[in-house]
Amino acid sequence: MAWALDQDREDRLLVLDFPYFEGRMQTWDEDFSYLGDAKLTATATHEWNHGLGEIFTALLRRGFVIKTFVEHTVLPWKMHSWMEESEDGWFRFPVDVRDQVPLMYTLVAEKPAG
């Protein structure tokens, strides 16, 4: 869900600017990655969003068993300039919008032997 949000807004409104569902390629030409660490030499990237339904269906069709799925309200990087860094090093939305959307998830799947 986080990738569908408008990342340039400074007013702390969570506004959808990109598709949540798969199918539409997004092209970016940026000098830095989302981590902002070092200047990139290859600046063009092409990305596709994948909704949870697409991800779960792909795993289940290939025989995987979902063991764990947890959504999180934190990120290991500062996606929006107004995110707050906690003492634990994770970035969160301010309290007034913190619980409105998941920012990332943990998914553990296992393919049974045989």
PDB file of N, CA and C in Angstrom:
ATOM      1  N   MET A   1       0.816  -1.185   0.000  1.00  0.00           N
ATOM      2  CA  MET A   1       0.000   0.000   0.000  1.00  0.00           C
ATOM      3  C   MET A   1       0.865   1.256   0.000  1.00  0.00           C
ATOM      4  N   ALA A   2       1.999   1.190   0.686  1.00  0.00           N
ATOM      5  CA  ALA A   2       2.866   2.363   0.802  1.00  0.00           C
ATOM      6  C   ALA A   2       3.314   2.886  -0.551  1.00  0.00           C
ATOM      7  N   TRP A   3       3.572   1.981  -1.498  1.00  0.00           N
ATOM      8  CA  TRP A   3       4.057   2.408  -2.817  1.00  0.00           C
ATOM      9  C   TRP A   3       2.984   3.119  -3.628  1.00  0.00           C
ATOM     10  N   ALA A   4       1.726   3.010  -3.240  1.00  0.00           N
ATOM     11  CA  ALA A   4       0.643   3.681  -3.965  1.00  0.00           C
ATOM     12  C   ALA A   4       0.431   5.117  -3.469  1.00  0.00           C
ATOM     13  N   LEU A   5       1.040   5.476  -2.344  1.00  0.00           N
ATOM     14  CA  LEU A   5       0.852   6.809  -1.773  1.00  0.00           C
ATOM     15  C   LEU A   5       1.697   7.861  -2.482  1.00  0.00           C
ATOM     16  N   ASP A   6       1.166   9.066  -2.540  1.00  0.00           N
ATOM     17  CA  ASP A   6       1.911  10.208  -3.065  1.00  0.00           C
ATOM     18  C   ASP A   6       3.020  10.527  -2.067  1.00  0.00           C
ATOM     19  N   GLN A   7       4.254  10.367  -2.485  1.00  0.00           N
ATOM     20  CA  GLN A   7       5.392  10.544  -1.581  1.00  0.00           C
ATOM     21  C   GLN A   7       5.895  11.977  -1.521  1.00  0.00           C
ATOM     22  N   ASP A   8       5.365  12.858  -2.354  1.00  0.00           N
ATOM     23  CA  ASP A   8       5.833  14.244  -2.383  1.00  0.00           C
ATOM     24  C   ASP A   8       4.991  15.195  -1.545  1.00  0.00           C
ATOM     25  N   ARG A   9       3.916  14.707  -0.971  1.00  0.00           N
ATOM     26  CA  ARG A   9       3.037  15.574  -0.168  1.00  0.00           C
ATOM     27  C   ARG A   9       3.722  15.937   1.139  1.00  0.00           C
ATOM     28  N   GLU A  10       3.601  17.188   1.512  1.00  0.00           N
ATOM     29  CA  GLU A  10       4.165  17.671   2.775  1.00  0.00           C
ATOM     30  C   GLU A  10       3.082  17.935   3.812  1.00  0.00           C
ATOM     31  N   ASP A  11       1.804  17.790   3.428  1.00  0.00           N
ATOM     32  CA  ASP A  11       0.700  18.141   4.323  1.00  0.00           C
ATOM     33  C   ASP A  11       0.217  16.983   5.190  1.00  0.00           C
ATOM     34  N   ARG A  12       0.919  15.867   5.180  1.00  0.00           N
ATOM     35  CA  ARG A  12       0.617  14.691   5.997  1.00  0.00           C
ATOM     36  C   ARG A  12      -0.699  14.022   5.629  1.00  0.00           C
ATOM     37  N   LEU A  13      -1.236  14.331   4.462  1.00  0.00           N
ATOM     38  CA  LEU A  13      -2.411  13.611   3.985  1.00  0.00           C
ATOM     39  C   LEU A  13      -1.948  12.386   3.229  1.00  0.00           C
ATOM     40  N   LEU A  14      -2.576  11.271   3.484  1.00  0.00           N
ATOM     41  CA  LEU A  14      -2.234  10.032   2.782  1.00  0.00           C
ATOM     42  C   LEU A  14      -3.128   9.950   1.553  1.00  0.00           C
ATOM     43  N   VAL A  15      -2.561  10.274   0.410  1.00  0.00           N
ATOM     44  CA  VAL A  15      -3.302  10.367  -0.837  1.00  0.00           C
ATOM     45  C   VAL A  15      -2.750   9.352  -1.819  1.00  0.00           C
ATOM     46  N   LEU A  16      -3.656   8.569  -2.425  1.00  0.00           N
ATOM     47  CA  LEU A  16      -3.231   7.612  -3.438  1.00  0.00           C
ATOM     48  C   LEU A  16      -2.868   8.355  -4.716  1.00  0.00           C
ATOM     49  N   ASP A  17      -1.677   8.074  -5.227  1.00  0.00           N
ATOM     50  CA  ASP A  17      -1.203   8.720  -6.445  1.00  0.00           C
ATOM     51  C   ASP A  17      -0.787   7.695  -7.492  1.00  0.00           C
ATOM     52  N   PHE A  18      -0.618   6.453  -7.080  1.00  0.00           N
ATOM     53  CA  PHE A  18      -0.193   5.373  -7.960  1.00  0.00           C
ATOM     54  C   PHE A  18      -1.118   4.182  -7.760  1.00  0.00           C
ATOM     55  N   PRO A  19      -1.198   3.306  -8.728  1.00  0.00           N
ATOM     56  CA  PRO A  19      -2.099   2.156  -8.570  1.00  0.00           C
ATOM     57  C   PRO A  19      -1.601   1.181  -7.500  1.00  0.00           C
ATOM     58  N   TYR A  20      -2.530   0.683  -6.720  1.00  0.00           N
ATOM     59  CA  TYR A  20      -2.201  -0.367  -5.754  1.00  0.00           C
ATOM     60  C   TYR A  20      -2.077  -1.704  -6.470  1.00  0.00           C
ATOM     61  N   PHE A  21      -2.975  -1.951  -7.427  1.00  0.00           N
ATOM     62  CA  PHE A  21      -2.985  -3.230  -8.128  1.00  0.00           C
ATOM     63  C   PHE A  21      -1.925  -3.269  -9.225  1.00  0.00           C
ATOM     64  N   GLU A  22      -1.552  -4.464  -9.580  1.00  0.00           N
ATOM     65  CA  GLU A  22      -0.518  -4.704 -10.573  1.00  0.00           C
ATOM     66  C   GLU A  22      -0.963  -4.282 -11.973  1.00  0.00           C
ATOM     67  N   GLY A  23      -0.008  -4.185 -12.866  1.00  0.00           N
ATOM     68  CA  GLY A  23      -0.340  -3.963 -14.261  1.00  0.00           C
ATOM     69  C   GLY A  23       0.251  -2.721 -14.883  1.00  0.00           C
ATOM     70  N   ARG A  24       0.408  -1.651 -14.123  1.00  0.00           N
ATOM     71  CA  ARG A  24       0.913  -0.410 -14.703  1.00  0.00           C
ATOM     72  C   ARG A  24       2.350  -0.169 -14.254  1.00  0.00           C
ATOM     73  N   MET A  25       3.266  -0.133 -15.224  1.00  0.00           N
ATOM     74  CA  MET A  25       4.667   0.100 -14.908  1.00  0.00           C
ATOM     75  C   MET A  25       4.880   1.564 -14.524  1.00  0.00           C
ATOM     76  N   GLN A  26       5.687   1.766 -13.510  1.00  0.00           N
ATOM     77  CA  GLN A  26       6.108   3.106 -13.103  1.00  0.00           C
ATOM     78  C   GLN A  26       7.570   3.265 -13.495  1.00  0.00           C
ATOM     79  N   THR A  27       7.910   4.352 -14.143  1.00  0.00           N
ATOM     80  CA  THR A  27       9.289   4.619 -14.530  1.00  0.00           C
ATOM     81  C   THR A  27       9.782   5.831 -13.758  1.00  0.00           C
ATOM     82  N   TRP A  28      10.959   5.683 -13.189  1.00  0.00           N
ATOM     83  CA  TRP A  28      11.568   6.748 -12.401  1.00  0.00           C
ATOM     84  C   TRP A  28      12.940   7.063 -12.975  1.00  0.00           C
ATOM     85  N   ASP A  29      13.322   8.319 -12.942  1.00  0.00           N
ATOM     86  CA  ASP A  29      14.664   8.729 -13.326  1.00  0.00           C
ATOM     87  C   ASP A  29      15.178   9.640 -12.221  1.00  0.00           C
ATOM     88  N   GLU A  30      15.862   9.037 -11.279  1.00  0.00           N
ATOM     89  CA  GLU A  30      16.304   9.741 -10.077  1.00  0.00           C
ATOM     90  C   GLU A  30      17.805   9.541  -9.886  1.00  0.00           C
ATOM     91  N   ASP A  31      18.460  10.529  -9.324  1.00  0.00           N
ATOM     92  CA  ASP A  31      19.895  10.446  -9.071  1.00  0.00           C
ATOM     93  C   ASP A  31      20.241   9.573  -7.869  1.00  0.00           C
ATOM     94  N   PHE A  32      19.252   9.369  -6.967  1.00  0.00           N
ATOM     95  CA  PHE A  32      19.498   8.597  -5.756  1.00  0.00           C
ATOM     96  C   PHE A  32      18.411   7.543  -5.588  1.00  0.00           C
ATOM     97  N   SER A  33      18.743   6.448  -4.904  1.00  0.00           N
ATOM     98  CA  SER A  33      17.742   5.421  -4.613  1.00  0.00           C
ATOM     99  C   SER A  33      16.857   5.927  -3.483  1.00  0.00           C
ATOM    100  N   TYR A  34      15.814   5.171  -3.145  1.00  0.00           N
ATOM    101  CA  TYR A  34      14.943   5.561  -2.042  1.00  0.00           C
ATOM    102  C   TYR A  34      15.702   5.594  -0.717  1.00  0.00           C
ATOM    103  N   LEU A  35      16.845   4.943  -0.638  1.00  0.00           N
ATOM    104  CA  LEU A  35      17.654   4.989   0.572  1.00  0.00           C
ATOM    105  C   LEU A  35      18.490   6.256   0.637  1.00  0.00           C
ATOM    106  N   GLY A  36      18.751   6.882  -0.531  1.00  0.00           N
ATOM    107  CA  GLY A  36      19.463   8.143  -0.581  1.00  0.00           C
ATOM    108  C   GLY A  36      20.932   8.083  -0.221  1.00  0.00           C
ATOM    109  N   ASP A  37      21.524   6.900  -0.203  1.00  0.00           N
ATOM    110  CA  ASP A  37      22.907   6.752   0.248  1.00  0.00           C
ATOM    111  C   ASP A  37      23.956   7.306  -0.717  1.00  0.00           C
ATOM    112  N   ALA A  38      23.936   6.839  -1.932  1.00  0.00           N
ATOM    113  CA  ALA A  38      24.976   7.219  -2.886  1.00  0.00           C
ATOM    114  C   ALA A  38      24.337   7.578  -4.222  1.00  0.00           C
ATOM    115  N   LYS A  39      25.011   8.435  -4.961  1.00  0.00           N
ATOM    116  CA  LYS A  39      24.510   8.839  -6.269  1.00  0.00           C
ATOM    117  C   LYS A  39      24.561   7.641  -7.220  1.00  0.00           C
ATOM    118  N   LEU A  40      23.489   7.441  -7.974  1.00  0.00           N
ATOM    119  CA  LEU A  40      23.395   6.325  -8.912  1.00  0.00           C
ATOM    120  C   LEU A  40      24.036   6.686 -10.244  1.00  0.00           C
ATOM    121  N   THR A  41      24.626   5.697 -10.902  1.00  0.00           N
ATOM    122  CA  THR A  41      25.145   5.922 -12.254  1.00  0.00           C
ATOM    123  C   THR A  41      24.102   5.538 -13.289  1.00  0.00           C
ATOM    124  N   ALA A  42      23.298   4.526 -13.000  1.00  0.00           N
ATOM    125  CA  ALA A  42      22.168   4.145 -13.854  1.00  0.00           C
ATOM    126  C   ALA A  42      20.922   4.667 -13.155  1.00  0.00           C
ATOM    127  N   THR A  43      20.345   5.746 -13.665  1.00  0.00           N
ATOM    128  CA  THR A  43      19.298   6.450 -12.926  1.00  0.00           C
ATOM    129  C   THR A  43      17.885   6.011 -13.266  1.00  0.00           C
ATOM    130  N   ALA A  44      17.668   5.347 -14.373  1.00  0.00           N
ATOM    131  CA  ALA A  44      16.310   4.936 -14.762  1.00  0.00           C
ATOM    132  C   ALA A  44      15.957   3.605 -14.110  1.00  0.00           C
ATOM    133  N   THR A  45      14.788   3.551 -13.479  1.00  0.00           N
ATOM    134  CA  THR A  45      14.282   2.293 -12.925  1.00  0.00           C
ATOM    135  C   THR A  45      12.842   2.108 -13.375  1.00  0.00           C
ATOM    136  N   HIS A  46      12.444   0.845 -13.479  1.00  0.00           N
ATOM    137  CA  HIS A  46      11.085   0.491 -13.864  1.00  0.00           C
ATOM    138  C   HIS A  46      10.541  -0.414 -12.775  1.00  0.00           C
ATOM    139  N   GLU A  47       9.384  -0.074 -12.252  1.00  0.00           N
ATOM    140  CA  GLU A  47       8.817  -0.814 -11.126  1.00  0.00           C
ATOM    141  C   GLU A  47       7.354  -1.137 -11.377  1.00  0.00           C
ATOM    142  N   TRP A  48       6.916  -2.247 -10.795  1.00  0.00           N
ATOM    143  CA  TRP A  48       5.530  -2.663 -10.864  1.00  0.00           C
ATOM    144  C   TRP A  48       5.057  -2.947  -9.452  1.00  0.00           C
ATOM    145  N   ASN A  49       3.901  -2.433  -9.106  1.00  0.00           N
ATOM    146  CA  ASN A  49       3.315  -2.746  -7.817  1.00  0.00           C
ATOM    147  C   ASN A  49       2.639  -4.114  -7.902  1.00  0.00           C
ATOM    148  N   HIS A  50       2.634  -4.839  -6.824  1.00  0.00           N
ATOM    149  CA  HIS A  50       1.987  -6.155  -6.763  1.00  0.00           C
ATOM    150  C   HIS A  50       1.085  -6.171  -5.544  1.00  0.00           C
ATOM    151  N   GLY A  51      -0.225  -6.249  -5.768  1.00  0.00           N
ATOM    152  CA  GLY A  51      -1.186  -6.316  -4.682  1.00  0.00           C
ATOM    153  C   GLY A  51      -1.052  -7.619  -3.906  1.00  0.00           C
ATOM    154  N   LEU A  52      -1.553  -7.621  -2.681  1.00  0.00           N
ATOM    155  CA  LEU A  52      -1.453  -8.818  -1.851  1.00  0.00           C
ATOM    156  C   LEU A  52      -2.148 -10.020  -2.478  1.00  0.00           C
ATOM    157  N   GLY A  53      -3.270  -9.793  -3.148  1.00  0.00           N
ATOM    158  CA  GLY A  53      -3.967 -10.899  -3.805  1.00  0.00           C
ATOM    159  C   GLY A  53      -3.099 -11.578  -4.845  1.00  0.00           C
ATOM    160  N   GLU A  54      -2.387 -10.797  -5.639  1.00  0.00           N
ATOM    161  CA  GLU A  54      -1.492 -11.357  -6.653  1.00  0.00           C
ATOM    162  C   GLU A  54      -0.365 -12.165  -6.007  1.00  0.00           C
ATOM    163  N   ILE A  55       0.206 -11.645  -4.945  1.00  0.00           N
ATOM    164  CA  ILE A  55       1.321 -12.315  -4.276  1.00  0.00           C
ATOM    165  C   ILE A  55       0.868 -13.622  -3.633  1.00  0.00           C
ATOM    166  N   PHE A  56      -0.226 -13.572  -2.877  1.00  0.00           N
ATOM    167  CA  PHE A  56      -0.729 -14.784  -2.221  1.00  0.00           C
ATOM    168  C   PHE A  56      -1.142 -15.830  -3.248  1.00  0.00           C
ATOM    169  N   THR A  57      -1.830 -15.416  -4.300  1.00  0.00           N
ATOM    170  CA  THR A  57      -2.284 -16.355  -5.331  1.00  0.00           C
ATOM    171  C   THR A  57      -1.102 -17.027  -6.017  1.00  0.00           C
ATOM    172  N   ALA A  58      -0.065 -16.288  -6.327  1.00  0.00           N
ATOM    173  CA  ALA A  58       1.120 -16.870  -6.970  1.00  0.00           C
ATOM    174  C   ALA A  58       1.753 -17.932  -6.078  1.00  0.00           C
ATOM    175  N   LEU A  59       1.872 -17.648  -4.787  1.00  0.00           N
ATOM    176  CA  LEU A  59       2.461 -18.632  -3.866  1.00  0.00           C
ATOM    177  C   LEU A  59       1.578 -19.869  -3.723  1.00  0.00           C
ATOM    178  N   LEU A  60       0.278 -19.658  -3.531  1.00  0.00           N
ATOM    179  CA  LEU A  60      -0.637 -20.784  -3.343  1.00  0.00           C
ATOM    180  C   LEU A  60      -0.727 -21.660  -4.588  1.00  0.00           C
ATOM    181  N   ARG A  61      -0.729 -21.071  -5.761  1.00  0.00           N
ATOM    182  CA  ARG A  61      -0.780 -21.848  -7.013  1.00  0.00           C
ATOM    183  C   ARG A  61       0.460 -22.710  -7.212  1.00  0.00           C
ATOM    184  N   ARG A  62       1.546 -22.327  -6.591  1.00  0.00           N
ATOM    185  CA  ARG A  62       2.785 -23.089  -6.716  1.00  0.00           C
ATOM    186  C   ARG A  62       3.003 -24.031  -5.536  1.00  0.00           C
ATOM    187  N   GLY A  63       1.972 -24.195  -4.729  1.00  0.00           N
ATOM    188  CA  GLY A  63       2.015 -25.187  -3.663  1.00  0.00           C
ATOM    189  C   GLY A  63       2.596 -24.722  -2.347  1.00  0.00           C
ATOM    190  N   PHE A  64       2.832 -23.443  -2.192  1.00  0.00           N
ATOM    191  CA  PHE A  64       3.361 -22.945  -0.927  1.00  0.00           C
ATOM    192  C   PHE A  64       2.256 -22.865   0.119  1.00  0.00           C
ATOM    193  N   VAL A  65       2.656 -22.998   1.372  1.00  0.00           N
ATOM    194  CA  VAL A  65       1.761 -22.842   2.512  1.00  0.00           C
ATOM    195  C   VAL A  65       2.175 -21.556   3.228  1.00  0.00           C
ATOM    196  N   ILE A  66       1.218 -20.686   3.468  1.00  0.00           N
ATOM    197  CA  ILE A  66       1.510 -19.434   4.170  1.00  0.00           C
ATOM    198  C   ILE A  66       1.646 -19.738   5.661  1.00  0.00           C
ATOM    199  N   LYS A  67       2.804 -19.426   6.220  1.00  0.00           N
ATOM    200  CA  LYS A  67       3.073 -19.684   7.629  1.00  0.00           C
ATOM    201  C   LYS A  67       2.868 -18.437   8.488  1.00  0.00           C
ATOM    202  N   THR A  68       3.225 -17.278   7.941  1.00  0.00           N
ATOM    203  CA  THR A  68       3.127 -16.033   8.691  1.00  0.00           C
ATOM    204  C   THR A  68       2.821 -14.894   7.734  1.00  0.00           C
ATOM    205  N   PHE A  69       1.941 -14.013   8.168  1.00  0.00           N
ATOM    206  CA  PHE A  69       1.712 -12.766   7.450  1.00  0.00           C
ATOM    207  C   PHE A  69       1.399 -11.693   8.478  1.00  0.00           C
ATOM    208  N   VAL A  70       2.241 -10.667   8.537  1.00  0.00           N
ATOM    209  CA  VAL A  70       2.080  -9.577   9.498  1.00  0.00           C
ATOM    210  C   VAL A  70       2.295  -8.252   8.769  1.00  0.00           C
ATOM    211  N   GLU A  71       1.368  -7.316   8.945  1.00  0.00           N
ATOM    212  CA  GLU A  71       1.533  -5.982   8.373  1.00  0.00           C
ATOM    213  C   GLU A  71       2.155  -5.073   9.434  1.00  0.00           C
ATOM    214  N   HIS A  72       2.951  -4.110   8.951  1.00  0.00           N
ATOM    215  CA  HIS A  72       3.687  -3.229   9.864  1.00  0.00           C
ATOM    216  C   HIS A  72       3.408  -1.760   9.562  1.00  0.00           C
ATOM    217  N   THR A  73       3.492  -0.937  10.582  1.00  0.00           N
ATOM    218  CA  THR A  73       3.320   0.514  10.440  1.00  0.00           C
ATOM    219  C   THR A  73       4.670   1.224  10.490  1.00  0.00           C
ATOM    220  N   VAL A  74       5.736   0.515  10.178  1.00  0.00           N
ATOM    221  CA  VAL A  74       7.089   1.079  10.200  1.00  0.00           C
ATOM    222  C   VAL A  74       7.815   0.743   8.904  1.00  0.00           C
ATOM    223  N   LEU A  75       8.879   1.493   8.640  1.00  0.00           N
ATOM    224  CA  LEU A  75       9.770   1.239   7.513  1.00  0.00           C
ATOM    225  C   LEU A  75      11.214   1.416   7.980  1.00  0.00           C
ATOM    226  N   PRO A  76      12.160   0.751   7.317  1.00  0.00           N
ATOM    227  CA  PRO A  76      13.569   0.965   7.679  1.00  0.00           C
ATOM    228  C   PRO A  76      14.175   2.185   6.985  1.00  0.00           C
ATOM    229  N   TRP A  77      13.387   2.930   6.206  1.00  0.00           N
ATOM    230  CA  TRP A  77      13.861   4.152   5.558  1.00  0.00           C
ATOM    231  C   TRP A  77      12.772   5.219   5.640  1.00  0.00           C
ATOM    232  N   LYS A  78      13.162   6.447   5.389  1.00  0.00           N
ATOM    233  CA  LYS A  78      12.258   7.585   5.498  1.00  0.00           C
ATOM    234  C   LYS A  78      11.584   7.825   4.148  1.00  0.00           C
ATOM    235  N   MET A  79      10.433   7.210   3.947  1.00  0.00           N
ATOM    236  CA  MET A  79       9.712   7.315   2.677  1.00  0.00           C
ATOM    237  C   MET A  79       9.152   8.717   2.455  1.00  0.00           C
ATOM    238  N   HIS A  80       8.677   9.352   3.492  1.00  0.00           N
ATOM    239  CA  HIS A  80       8.122  10.704   3.431  1.00  0.00           C
ATOM    240  C   HIS A  80       8.952  11.615   4.328  1.00  0.00           C
ATOM    241  N   SER A  81       9.142  12.841   3.901  1.00  0.00           N
ATOM    242  CA  SER A  81       9.989  13.764   4.672  1.00  0.00           C
ATOM    243  C   SER A  81       9.456  14.004   6.085  1.00  0.00           C
ATOM    244  N   TRP A  82       8.162  13.844   6.292  1.00  0.00           N
ATOM    245  CA  TRP A  82       7.555  14.124   7.597  1.00  0.00           C
ATOM    246  C   TRP A  82       7.428  12.889   8.483  1.00  0.00           C
ATOM    247  N   MET A  83       8.024  11.787   8.070  1.00  0.00           N
ATOM    248  CA  MET A  83       8.026  10.608   8.938  1.00  0.00           C
ATOM    249  C   MET A  83       8.952  10.844  10.125  1.00  0.00           C
ATOM    250  N   GLU A  84       8.668  10.163  11.200  1.00  0.00           N
ATOM    251  CA  GLU A  84       9.439  10.322  12.435  1.00  0.00           C
ATOM    252  C   GLU A  84      10.309   9.096  12.661  1.00  0.00           C
ATOM    253  N   GLU A  85      11.558   9.323  13.020  1.00  0.00           N
ATOM    254  CA  GLU A  85      12.446   8.211  13.348  1.00  0.00           C
ATOM    255  C   GLU A  85      12.362   7.926  14.834  1.00  0.00           C
ATOM    256  N   SER A  86      12.127   6.679  15.159  1.00  0.00           N
ATOM    257  CA  SER A  86      12.040   6.273  16.564  1.00  0.00           C
ATOM    258  C   SER A  86      13.420   5.905  17.086  1.00  0.00           C
ATOM    259  N   GLU A  87      13.508   5.738  18.373  1.00  0.00           N
ATOM    260  CA  GLU A  87      14.776   5.359  18.999  1.00  0.00           C
ATOM    261  C   GLU A  87      15.300   4.029  18.468  1.00  0.00           C
ATOM    262  N   ASP A  88      14.396   3.171  17.998  1.00  0.00           N
ATOM    263  CA  ASP A  88      14.807   1.867  17.475  1.00  0.00           C
ATOM    264  C   ASP A  88      15.309   1.943  16.031  1.00  0.00           C
ATOM    265  N   GLY A  89      15.321   3.150  15.426  1.00  0.00           N
ATOM    266  CA  GLY A  89      15.827   3.319  14.075  1.00  0.00           C
ATOM    267  C   GLY A  89      14.800   3.139  12.979  1.00  0.00           C
ATOM    268  N   TRP A  90      13.563   2.782  13.315  1.00  0.00           N
ATOM    269  CA  TRP A  90      12.497   2.614  12.338  1.00  0.00           C
ATOM    270  C   TRP A  90      11.786   3.949  12.118  1.00  0.00           C
ATOM    271  N   PHE A  91      11.240   4.113  10.912  1.00  0.00           N
ATOM    272  CA  PHE A  91      10.508   5.332  10.580  1.00  0.00           C
ATOM    273  C   PHE A  91       9.011   5.054  10.616  1.00  0.00           C
ATOM    274  N   ARG A  92       8.270   5.987  11.192  1.00  0.00           N
ATOM    275  CA  ARG A  92       6.822   5.849  11.363  1.00  0.00           C
ATOM    276  C   ARG A  92       6.137   7.139  10.938  1.00  0.00           C
ATOM    277  N   PHE A  93       4.859   7.016  10.604  1.00  0.00           N
ATOM    278  CA  PHE A  93       4.052   8.207  10.404  1.00  0.00           C
ATOM    279  C   PHE A  93       3.771   8.820  11.772  1.00  0.00           C
ATOM    280  N   PRO A  94       3.467  10.122  11.819  1.00  0.00           N
ATOM    281  CA  PRO A  94       3.054  10.730  13.092  1.00  0.00           C
ATOM    282  C   PRO A  94       1.795  10.037  13.616  1.00  0.00           C
ATOM    283  N   VAL A  95       1.572  10.152  14.901  1.00  0.00           N
ATOM    284  CA  VAL A  95       0.497   9.433  15.582  1.00  0.00           C
ATOM    285  C   VAL A  95      -0.865   9.641  14.921  1.00  0.00           C
ATOM    286  N   ASP A  96      -1.164  10.839  14.429  1.00  0.00           N
ATOM    287  CA  ASP A  96      -2.499  11.108  13.890  1.00  0.00           C
ATOM    288  C   ASP A  96      -2.812  10.329  12.607  1.00  0.00           C
ATOM    289  N   VAL A  97      -1.803   9.813  11.909  1.00  0.00           N
ATOM    290  CA  VAL A  97      -2.047   9.019  10.690  1.00  0.00           C
ATOM    291  C   VAL A  97      -1.371   7.649  10.734  1.00  0.00           C
ATOM    292  N   ARG A  98      -0.774   7.317  11.851  1.00  0.00           N
ATOM    293  CA  ARG A  98       0.056   6.112  11.961  1.00  0.00           C
ATOM    294  C   ARG A  98      -0.682   4.816  11.615  1.00  0.00           C
ATOM    295  N   ASP A  99      -1.920   4.684  12.036  1.00  0.00           N
ATOM    296  CA  ASP A  99      -2.626   3.415  11.857  1.00  0.00           C
ATOM    297  C   ASP A  99      -3.531   3.381  10.631  1.00  0.00           C
ATOM    298  N   GLN A 100      -3.361   4.306   9.691  1.00  0.00           N
ATOM    299  CA  GLN A 100      -4.261   4.368   8.543  1.00  0.00           C
ATOM    300  C   GLN A 100      -3.916   3.389   7.430  1.00  0.00           C
ATOM    301  N   VAL A 101      -2.648   3.123   7.206  1.00  0.00           N
ATOM    302  CA  VAL A 101      -2.252   2.190   6.145  1.00  0.00           C
ATOM    303  C   VAL A 101      -1.028   1.393   6.582  1.00  0.00           C
ATOM    304  N   PRO A 102      -0.914   0.156   6.107  1.00  0.00           N
ATOM    305  CA  PRO A 102       0.320  -0.596   6.363  1.00  0.00           C
ATOM    306  C   PRO A 102       1.429  -0.065   5.457  1.00  0.00           C
ATOM    307  N   LEU A 103       2.651  -0.104   5.952  1.00  0.00           N
ATOM    308  CA  LEU A 103       3.790   0.373   5.172  1.00  0.00           C
ATOM    309  C   LEU A 103       4.638  -0.754   4.613  1.00  0.00           C
ATOM    310  N   MET A 104       4.661  -1.872   5.294  1.00  0.00           N
ATOM    311  CA  MET A 104       5.367  -3.057   4.796  1.00  0.00           C
ATOM    312  C   MET A 104       4.778  -4.275   5.490  1.00  0.00           C
ATOM    313  N   TYR A 105       5.215  -5.434   5.064  1.00  0.00           N
ATOM    314  CA  TYR A 105       4.715  -6.653   5.687  1.00  0.00           C
ATOM    315  C   TYR A 105       5.793  -7.712   5.724  1.00  0.00           C
ATOM    316  N   THR A 106       5.575  -8.676   6.591  1.00  0.00           N
ATOM    317  CA  THR A 106       6.412  -9.869   6.668  1.00  0.00           C
ATOM    318  C   THR A 106       5.570 -11.034   6.188  1.00  0.00           C
ATOM    319  N   LEU A 107       6.085 -11.768   5.229  1.00  0.00           N
ATOM    320  CA  LEU A 107       5.397 -12.936   4.684  1.00  0.00           C
ATOM    321  C   LEU A 107       6.365 -14.103   4.696  1.00  0.00           C
ATOM    322  N   VAL A 108       5.976 -15.168   5.358  1.00  0.00           N
ATOM    323  CA  VAL A 108       6.763 -16.399   5.372  1.00  0.00           C
ATOM    324  C   VAL A 108       5.929 -17.496   4.757  1.00  0.00           C
ATOM    325  N   ALA A 109       6.466 -18.117   3.705  1.00  0.00           N
ATOM    326  CA  ALA A 109       5.774 -19.213   3.030  1.00  0.00           C
ATOM    327  C   ALA A 109       6.737 -20.392   2.923  1.00  0.00           C
ATOM    328  N   GLU A 110       6.165 -21.577   2.926  1.00  0.00           N
ATOM    329  CA  GLU A 110       6.980 -22.788   2.898  1.00  0.00           C
ATOM    330  C   GLU A 110       6.387 -23.760   1.894  1.00  0.00           C
ATOM    331  N   LYS A 111       7.254 -24.392   1.120  1.00  0.00           N
ATOM    332  CA  LYS A 111       6.773 -25.393   0.183  1.00  0.00           C
ATOM    333  C   LYS A 111       7.012 -26.765   0.815  1.00  0.00           C
ATOM    334  N   PRO A 112       5.918 -27.484   1.075  1.00  0.00           N
ATOM    335  CA  PRO A 112       6.055 -28.803   1.705  1.00  0.00           C
ATOM    336  C   PRO A 112       6.881 -29.769   0.845  1.00  0.00           C
ATOM    337  N   ALA A 113       7.611 -30.637   1.514  1.00  0.00           N
ATOM    338  CA  ALA A 113       8.412 -31.647   0.803  1.00  0.00           C
ATOM    339  C   ALA A 113       7.482 -32.627   0.095  1.00  0.00           C
ATOM    340  N   GLY A 114       7.959 -33.121  -1.011  1.00  0.00           N
ATOM    341  CA  GLY A 114       7.188 -34.157  -1.698  1.00  0.00           C
ATOM    342  C   GLY A 114       6.497 -33.643  -2.852  1.00  0.00           C
TER     343      GLY A 114
END
